[in-house]
């Protein structure tokens, strides 16, 4: 689905930018121009960015945990 019609930025594009390391709307704007023209998509772009950041954290590999040895 399109997030920013002015610059033809989709939800998928924002998710890809997050996967590539973007963590703020400013970074997304710098790369794509999303929410940089008329501003109508600003709130939705933030929502999609938050979803993408949450999804990225959910699929990150778990950190190693040291468990005590049981005899």
C-alpha atoms as a PDB file:
ATOM      1  CA  UNK A   1       0.000   0.000   0.000  1.00  0.00           C
ATOM      2  CA  UNK A   2       1.221   3.511  -0.750  1.00  0.00           C
ATOM      3  CA  UNK A   3       2.233   5.640   2.210  1.00  0.00           C
ATOM      4  CA  UNK A   4       3.433   8.707   0.305  1.00  0.00           C
ATOM      5  CA  UNK A   5       1.684   9.311  -3.009  1.00  0.00           C
ATOM      6  CA  UNK A   6       3.823  12.393  -3.784  1.00  0.00           C
ATOM      7  CA  UNK A   7       7.001  10.292  -3.879  1.00  0.00           C
ATOM      8  CA  UNK A   8       5.477   6.836  -4.569  1.00  0.00           C
ATOM      9  CA  UNK A   9       6.752   5.346  -1.288  1.00  0.00           C
ATOM     10  CA  UNK A  10       5.113   2.116  -0.172  1.00  0.00           C
ATOM     11  CA  UNK A  11       4.899   0.329   3.163  1.00  0.00           C
ATOM     12  CA  UNK A  12       7.236  -2.291   1.720  1.00  0.00           C
ATOM     13  CA  UNK A  13       9.808   0.397   0.884  1.00  0.00           C
ATOM     14  CA  UNK A  14       9.757   1.704   4.459  1.00  0.00           C
ATOM     15  CA  UNK A  15      10.128  -1.829   5.844  1.00  0.00           C
ATOM     16  CA  UNK A  16      13.104  -2.335   3.510  1.00  0.00           C
ATOM     17  CA  UNK A  17      14.699   0.926   4.692  1.00  0.00           C
ATOM     18  CA  UNK A  18      14.317  -0.204   8.316  1.00  0.00           C
ATOM     19  CA  UNK A  19      15.862  -3.553   7.429  1.00  0.00           C
ATOM     20  CA  UNK A  20      18.763  -1.611   5.894  1.00  0.00           C
ATOM     21  CA  UNK A  21      19.259   0.364   9.113  1.00  0.00           C
ATOM     22  CA  UNK A  22      16.891   3.354   9.165  1.00  0.00           C
ATOM     23  CA  UNK A  23      15.426   4.017  12.600  1.00  0.00           C
ATOM     24  CA  UNK A  24      13.896   7.497  12.298  1.00  0.00           C
ATOM     25  CA  UNK A  25      11.476   9.258   9.986  1.00  0.00           C
ATOM     26  CA  UNK A  26      14.235  11.760   9.227  1.00  0.00           C
ATOM     27  CA  UNK A  27      16.379   8.962   7.813  1.00  0.00           C
ATOM     28  CA  UNK A  28      13.455   7.643   5.762  1.00  0.00           C
ATOM     29  CA  UNK A  29      12.811  11.172   4.480  1.00  0.00           C
ATOM     30  CA  UNK A  30      16.458  11.686   3.542  1.00  0.00           C
ATOM     31  CA  UNK A  31      16.482   8.482   1.485  1.00  0.00           C
ATOM     32  CA  UNK A  32      13.048   8.683  -0.098  1.00  0.00           C
ATOM     33  CA  UNK A  33      11.426  12.089   0.341  1.00  0.00           C
ATOM     34  CA  UNK A  34       8.521  10.415   2.167  1.00  0.00           C
ATOM     35  CA  UNK A  35       6.451  12.956   4.161  1.00  0.00           C
ATOM     36  CA  UNK A  36       8.611  15.729   2.741  1.00  0.00           C
ATOM     37  CA  UNK A  37       6.206  17.412   0.281  1.00  0.00           C
ATOM     38  CA  UNK A  38       2.586  18.017   1.292  1.00  0.00           C
ATOM     39  CA  UNK A  39       2.909  16.277   4.692  1.00  0.00           C
ATOM     40  CA  UNK A  40      -0.399  14.416   4.447  1.00  0.00           C
ATOM     41  CA  UNK A  41       1.334  11.054   4.940  1.00  0.00           C
ATOM     42  CA  UNK A  42       3.480  12.098   7.920  1.00  0.00           C
ATOM     43  CA  UNK A  43       1.433  10.355  10.633  1.00  0.00           C
ATOM     44  CA  UNK A  44       0.915   7.206   8.570  1.00  0.00           C
ATOM     45  CA  UNK A  45       4.620   7.089   7.689  1.00  0.00           C
ATOM     46  CA  UNK A  46       5.428   7.201  11.417  1.00  0.00           C
ATOM     47  CA  UNK A  47       2.938   4.399  12.062  1.00  0.00           C
ATOM     48  CA  UNK A  48       4.466   2.202   9.349  1.00  0.00           C
ATOM     49  CA  UNK A  49       7.967   3.011  10.620  1.00  0.00           C
ATOM     50  CA  UNK A  50       6.966   1.975  14.160  1.00  0.00           C
ATOM     51  CA  UNK A  51       5.473  -1.264  12.830  1.00  0.00           C
ATOM     52  CA  UNK A  52       8.615  -1.976  10.839  1.00  0.00           C
ATOM     53  CA  UNK A  53      10.854  -1.346  13.829  1.00  0.00           C
ATOM     54  CA  UNK A  54       8.702  -3.630  15.990  1.00  0.00           C
ATOM     55  CA  UNK A  55       8.676  -6.349  13.383  1.00  0.00           C
ATOM     56  CA  UNK A  56      12.435  -6.114  12.979  1.00  0.00           C
ATOM     57  CA  UNK A  57      12.946  -6.529  16.713  1.00  0.00           C
ATOM     58  CA  UNK A  58      10.562  -9.487  16.802  1.00  0.00           C
ATOM     59  CA  UNK A  59      12.528 -11.451  14.204  1.00  0.00           C
ATOM     60  CA  UNK A  60      15.979 -10.619  15.521  1.00  0.00           C
ATOM     61  CA  UNK A  61      17.857 -13.705  16.678  1.00  0.00           C
ATOM     62  CA  UNK A  62      17.683 -14.260  20.427  1.00  0.00           C
ATOM     63  CA  UNK A  63      20.688 -13.311  22.498  1.00  0.00           C
ATOM     64  CA  UNK A  64      22.653 -16.070  24.147  1.00  0.00           C
ATOM     65  CA  UNK A  65      21.743 -16.662  27.770  1.00  0.00           C
ATOM     66  CA  UNK A  66      24.036 -18.321  30.276  1.00  0.00           C
ATOM     67  CA  UNK A  67      22.195 -20.935  32.310  1.00  0.00           C
ATOM     68  CA  UNK A  68      23.579 -22.569  35.425  1.00  0.00           C
ATOM     69  CA  UNK A  69      24.821 -26.126  35.068  1.00  0.00           C
ATOM     70  CA  UNK A  70      22.576 -28.708  36.701  1.00  0.00           C
ATOM     71  CA  UNK A  71      24.249 -31.714  38.308  1.00  0.00           C
END
